Amino acid sequence: MALNQLREAYDSYQNAVTGGHLYPTYWISIAILHYRVRQPRDCLDYLGRALRVYPFDQRTWMNLGILVCHRPPLTIEVYYKGGSTTSR
């Protein structure tokens, strides 16, 4: 996915899902968009939002594991933050 398509995909996804912010799947999908355009910190932020909505969601933890395996510098950041990320 090209970087210029990220904004369009994000806007379309937001318009398609009413009240989606109440479900971790919404935040996971946005995190995956950011992962695909190589924005790991944004991906981490959205996975953090998914964890705040429902901290027991296995899909969120799996995606977080994939992120830190592919982006080792984020591992220490995730460890020290303990899953909490900065809000936007």
Protein backbone atom coordinates (compact mmCIF):
# COMPACT_ATOMS: atom_id res chain seq x y z
CA MET A 1 0.00 0.00 0.00
CA ALA A 2 1.38 3.39 -0.96
CA LEU A 3 1.77 6.04 1.69
CA ASN A 4 -0.63 8.38 -0.13
CA GLN A 5 -3.32 5.69 0.03
CA LEU A 6 -3.11 5.44 3.81
CA ARG A 7 -5.19 8.55 4.46
CA GLU A 8 -7.84 7.46 1.96
CA ALA A 9 -8.01 3.95 3.44
CA TYR A 10 -8.14 5.33 6.98
CA ASP A 11 -10.95 7.78 6.14
CA SER A 12 -12.93 5.12 4.28
CA TYR A 13 -12.57 2.71 7.17
CA GLN A 14 -13.70 5.33 9.68
CA ASN A 15 -16.75 6.14 7.59
CA ALA A 16 -17.66 2.47 7.16
CA VAL A 17 -17.57 1.60 10.85
CA THR A 18 -19.98 3.49 13.05
CA GLY A 19 -19.10 3.10 16.71
CA GLY A 20 -16.16 0.89 15.74
CA HIS A 21 -13.90 2.56 18.26
CA LEU A 22 -15.67 0.45 20.90
CA TYR A 23 -14.21 -2.77 19.45
CA PRO A 24 -10.56 -3.87 19.35
CA THR A 25 -10.95 -5.10 15.75
CA TYR A 26 -11.39 -1.50 14.63
CA TRP A 27 -8.09 -0.41 16.20
CA ILE A 28 -6.28 -3.55 15.04
CA SER A 29 -7.29 -2.88 11.43
CA ILE A 30 -5.97 0.68 11.60
CA ALA A 31 -2.77 -0.62 13.24
CA ILE A 32 -2.29 -3.02 10.33
CA LEU A 33 -2.68 -0.14 7.85
CA HIS A 34 0.14 1.71 9.62
CA TYR A 35 2.28 -1.43 9.77
CA ARG A 36 1.95 -1.91 6.01
CA VAL A 37 3.23 1.60 5.28
CA ARG A 38 6.11 1.15 7.71
CA GLN A 39 4.87 3.36 10.52
CA PRO A 40 5.62 1.08 13.48
CA ARG A 41 5.13 3.69 16.20
CA ASP A 42 1.66 4.55 14.92
CA CYS A 43 0.91 0.84 14.66
CA LEU A 44 1.96 0.47 18.30
CA ASP A 45 -0.30 3.36 19.35
CA TYR A 46 -3.35 1.79 17.72
CA LEU A 47 -2.62 -1.63 19.20
CA GLY A 48 -2.44 0.13 22.57
CA ARG A 49 -5.90 1.56 21.93
CA ALA A 50 -7.19 -1.93 21.14
CA LEU A 51 -5.74 -3.18 24.44
CA ARG A 52 -7.44 -0.38 26.36
CA VAL A 53 -10.80 -1.35 24.82
CA TYR A 54 -10.39 -5.05 25.63
CA PRO A 55 -7.07 -6.13 27.20
CA PHE A 56 -7.78 -9.86 26.74
CA ASP A 57 -8.13 -9.84 22.94
CA GLN A 58 -5.76 -12.49 21.56
CA ARG A 59 -5.62 -10.86 18.12
CA THR A 60 -4.24 -7.67 19.61
CA TRP A 61 -1.54 -9.52 21.52
CA MET A 62 -0.65 -11.56 18.44
CA ASN A 63 -0.26 -8.41 16.33
CA LEU A 64 1.78 -6.77 19.07
CA GLY A 65 4.07 -9.82 19.08
CA ILE A 66 4.47 -9.64 15.31
CA LEU A 67 5.26 -5.93 15.53
CA VAL A 68 7.99 -6.29 18.14
CA CYS A 69 9.50 -9.32 16.37
CA HIS A 70 9.83 -7.36 13.14
CA ARG A 71 10.80 -4.07 14.81
CA PRO A 72 13.16 -5.00 17.68
CA PRO A 73 13.76 -1.39 18.84
CA LEU A 74 10.09 -1.22 19.84
CA THR A 75 10.50 -4.15 22.23
CA ILE A 76 12.12 -2.01 24.93
CA GLU A 77 9.58 0.76 24.44
CA VAL A 78 6.71 -1.72 24.84
CA TYR A 79 8.35 -3.24 27.91
CA TYR A 80 8.76 0.10 29.68
CA LYS A 81 5.34 1.41 28.75
CA GLY A 82 3.69 -1.82 29.86
CA GLY A 83 1.16 -1.73 27.06
CA SER A 84 0.08 1.87 27.62
CA THR A 85 0.72 4.15 24.69
CA THR A 86 0.41 7.87 24.28
CA SER A 87 -3.02 9.05 23.25
CA ARG A 88 -3.55 11.25 20.27
